[in-house]
Amino acid sequence: MNMENVFAALSIMWKGMGGIFVTILIIMISVWIMGKIGSKK
């Protein structure tokens, strides 16, 4: 097993997981802001 390929795969995996985490945070913040705007009526 080539360790260079393993490290490359881990790097890609962590970037993907980080992107998913950031996306979920952005969606949560957007929903929270829309809830604050909508509750002022």
C-alpha atoms as a PDB file:
ATOM      1  CA  MET A   1       0.000   0.000   0.000  1.00  0.00           C
ATOM      2  CA  ASN A   2       1.395   3.367  -1.045  1.00  0.00           C
ATOM      3  CA  MET A   3       1.247   5.777   1.910  1.00  0.00           C
ATOM      4  CA  GLU A   4       1.357   8.782  -0.416  1.00  0.00           C
ATOM      5  CA  ASN A   5      -1.985   7.700  -1.917  1.00  0.00           C
ATOM      6  CA  VAL A   6      -3.450   7.167   1.562  1.00  0.00           C
ATOM      7  CA  PHE A   7      -2.461  10.687   2.647  1.00  0.00           C
ATOM      8  CA  ALA A   8      -3.856  12.142  -0.586  1.00  0.00           C
ATOM      9  CA  ALA A   9      -7.160  10.338  -0.004  1.00  0.00           C
ATOM     10  CA  LEU A  10      -7.323  11.545   3.613  1.00  0.00           C
ATOM     11  CA  SER A  11      -6.656  15.108   2.488  1.00  0.00           C
ATOM     12  CA  ILE A  12      -9.508  14.954  -0.022  1.00  0.00           C
ATOM     13  CA  MET A  13     -11.806  13.367   2.576  1.00  0.00           C
ATOM     14  CA  TRP A  14     -11.133  16.066   5.197  1.00  0.00           C
ATOM     15  CA  LYS A  15     -11.729  18.836   2.653  1.00  0.00           C
ATOM     16  CA  GLY A  16     -15.063  17.268   1.737  1.00  0.00           C
ATOM     17  CA  MET A  17     -16.120  16.874   5.360  1.00  0.00           C
ATOM     18  CA  GLY A  18     -15.093  20.470   6.066  1.00  0.00           C
ATOM     19  CA  GLY A  19     -17.137  21.681   3.104  1.00  0.00           C
ATOM     20  CA  ILE A  20     -20.195  19.791   4.314  1.00  0.00           C
ATOM     21  CA  PHE A  21     -19.772  21.256   7.830  1.00  0.00           C
ATOM     22  CA  VAL A  22     -19.466  24.814   6.492  1.00  0.00           C
ATOM     23  CA  THR A  23     -22.507  24.318   4.237  1.00  0.00           C
ATOM     24  CA  ILE A  24     -24.638  23.071   7.140  1.00  0.00           C
ATOM     25  CA  LEU A  25     -23.566  26.071   9.246  1.00  0.00           C
ATOM     26  CA  ILE A  26     -24.477  28.510   6.451  1.00  0.00           C
ATOM     27  CA  ILE A  27     -27.909  26.889   6.049  1.00  0.00           C
ATOM     28  CA  MET A  28     -28.540  26.977   9.820  1.00  0.00           C
ATOM     29  CA  ILE A  29     -27.579  30.658  10.045  1.00  0.00           C
ATOM     30  CA  SER A  30     -29.762  31.501   7.020  1.00  0.00           C
ATOM     31  CA  VAL A  31     -32.770  29.728   8.542  1.00  0.00           C
ATOM     32  CA  TRP A  32     -32.185  31.484  11.882  1.00  0.00           C
ATOM     33  CA  ILE A  33     -32.009  34.924  10.181  1.00  0.00           C
ATOM     34  CA  MET A  34     -35.166  34.216   8.128  1.00  0.00           C
ATOM     35  CA  GLY A  35     -36.933  33.149  11.327  1.00  0.00           C
ATOM     36  CA  LYS A  36     -35.959  36.405  13.039  1.00  0.00           C
ATOM     37  CA  ILE A  37     -37.159  38.449  10.042  1.00  0.00           C
ATOM     38  CA  GLY A  38     -40.417  36.519   9.753  1.00  0.00           C
ATOM     39  CA  SER A  39     -41.317  36.772  13.454  1.00  0.00           C
ATOM     40  CA  LYS A  40     -41.400  40.600  13.412  1.00  0.00           C
ATOM     41  CA  LYS A  41     -44.817  40.699  11.716  1.00  0.00           C
END
